[in-house]
């Protein structure tokens, strides 16, 4: 009964905060190299981008890119941080801005 009484004060499901995810898109996907990663920022933010291969190894990463609120585009040339072409395969793109993060799969073909 005590639990039922406490439940009356709870918010309905429509008031649950959304999952901490960014609205992110990748174009083209699949790609042969150059790719546009679009992200919608709810506020000004310092953005980090990491690209992982299928084994979880980071092949490309940039951190601390300051962007204003709104729709932003990050261009990736299909190369690793060392400047080499990334091999064909499945990759995961992770974008973080503050407490918000999104991960999307991309297919790289050559």
Protein backbone atom coordinates (compact mmCIF):
# COMPACT_ATOMS: atom_id res chain seq x y z
CA UNK A 1 0.00 0.00 0.00
CA UNK A 2 2.84 2.41 0.76
CA UNK A 3 4.32 1.75 -2.68
CA UNK A 4 0.95 2.39 -4.30
CA UNK A 5 0.59 5.67 -2.41
CA UNK A 6 4.05 6.77 -3.55
CA UNK A 7 3.28 5.87 -7.15
CA UNK A 8 0.46 8.42 -7.30
CA UNK A 9 2.99 11.25 -7.23
CA UNK A 10 5.08 9.90 -10.11
CA UNK A 11 5.11 11.58 -13.51
CA UNK A 12 3.46 9.90 -16.46
CA UNK A 13 5.64 8.34 -19.15
CA UNK A 14 5.29 11.44 -21.34
CA UNK A 15 7.39 13.37 -18.79
CA UNK A 16 10.41 11.06 -18.78
CA UNK A 17 13.55 12.84 -19.97
CA UNK A 18 14.79 11.69 -23.38
CA UNK A 19 17.83 9.44 -23.66
CA UNK A 20 21.03 11.49 -23.81
CA UNK A 21 21.48 11.16 -27.56
CA UNK A 22 22.34 13.64 -30.28
CA UNK A 23 20.43 13.78 -33.55
CA UNK A 24 23.10 12.56 -35.97
CA UNK A 25 23.15 11.67 -39.68
CA UNK A 26 25.83 10.31 -42.01
CA UNK A 27 25.94 10.96 -45.75
CA UNK A 28 26.72 9.11 -47.89
CA UNK A 29 26.42 5.76 -46.19
CA UNK A 30 27.77 3.47 -47.55
CA UNK A 31 30.66 5.66 -48.68
CA UNK A 32 33.89 5.30 -50.63
CA UNK A 33 35.72 7.86 -48.48
CA UNK A 34 34.67 11.47 -47.87
CA UNK A 35 31.68 11.59 -45.53
CA UNK A 36 29.53 14.32 -43.98
CA UNK A 37 28.47 13.78 -40.38
CA UNK A 38 25.63 16.08 -39.43
CA UNK A 39 24.69 16.67 -35.82
CA UNK A 40 22.08 18.88 -34.18
CA UNK A 41 23.34 20.55 -31.02
CA UNK A 42 20.76 21.72 -28.48
CA UNK A 43 23.27 24.30 -27.16
CA UNK A 44 26.79 25.59 -27.86
CA UNK A 45 29.15 22.68 -27.21
CA UNK A 46 32.65 21.29 -27.44
CA UNK A 47 32.30 18.30 -29.77
CA UNK A 48 34.42 15.14 -29.96
CA UNK A 49 34.35 12.70 -32.87
CA UNK A 50 35.76 9.17 -32.80
CA UNK A 51 35.64 6.55 -35.53
CA UNK A 52 36.12 2.93 -34.52
CA UNK A 53 36.76 -0.14 -36.66
CA UNK A 54 34.77 -3.35 -36.11
CA UNK A 55 37.26 -4.54 -33.46
CA UNK A 56 36.81 -1.35 -31.43
CA UNK A 57 40.12 0.28 -32.37
CA UNK A 58 40.02 4.06 -32.84
CA UNK A 59 41.10 4.87 -36.41
CA UNK A 60 40.29 8.59 -36.32
CA UNK A 61 39.55 11.04 -33.52
CA UNK A 62 39.26 14.77 -32.98
CA UNK A 63 38.35 16.45 -29.72
CA UNK A 64 37.33 19.88 -28.56
CA UNK A 65 35.76 21.30 -31.72
CA UNK A 66 33.63 24.23 -30.55
CA UNK A 67 30.31 24.56 -32.37
CA UNK A 68 27.32 26.83 -31.82
CA UNK A 69 23.81 25.54 -31.16
CA UNK A 70 21.98 24.14 -34.19
CA UNK A 71 22.76 21.92 -37.18
CA UNK A 72 26.48 21.36 -37.74
CA UNK A 73 28.42 19.31 -40.30
CA UNK A 74 31.73 17.57 -39.63
CA UNK A 75 33.58 16.38 -42.73
CA UNK A 76 35.67 13.20 -42.59
CA UNK A 77 37.96 12.42 -45.52
CA UNK A 78 38.04 8.65 -44.95
CA UNK A 79 41.58 8.76 -43.58
CA UNK A 80 43.04 7.71 -40.25
CA UNK A 81 44.73 10.14 -37.85
CA UNK A 82 48.05 9.12 -39.44
CA UNK A 83 46.77 10.21 -42.88
CA UNK A 84 46.35 6.74 -44.38
CA UNK A 85 43.20 5.64 -46.21
CA UNK A 86 40.99 3.61 -43.89
CA UNK A 87 40.41 0.07 -45.19
CA UNK A 88 36.97 -0.99 -46.44
CA UNK A 89 34.68 -2.38 -43.76
CA UNK A 90 32.22 -1.53 -41.02
CA UNK A 91 32.96 1.41 -38.73
CA UNK A 92 31.21 3.18 -35.89
CA UNK A 93 31.11 6.94 -35.63
CA UNK A 94 30.71 8.34 -32.12
CA UNK A 95 29.95 12.02 -31.59
CA UNK A 96 29.86 13.52 -28.10
CA UNK A 97 28.85 17.00 -27.00
CA UNK A 98 28.75 17.55 -23.25
CA UNK A 99 26.62 14.78 -21.71
CA UNK A 100 25.07 13.88 -25.09
CA UNK A 101 26.44 11.07 -27.27
CA UNK A 102 25.38 9.22 -30.40
CA UNK A 103 26.89 6.29 -32.27
CA UNK A 104 26.05 5.33 -35.85
CA UNK A 105 27.35 2.57 -38.13
CA UNK A 106 28.97 3.43 -41.45
CA UNK A 107 30.09 1.14 -44.27
CA UNK A 108 33.28 2.12 -46.11
CA UNK A 109 33.69 0.63 -49.59
CA UNK A 110 36.59 1.11 -52.02
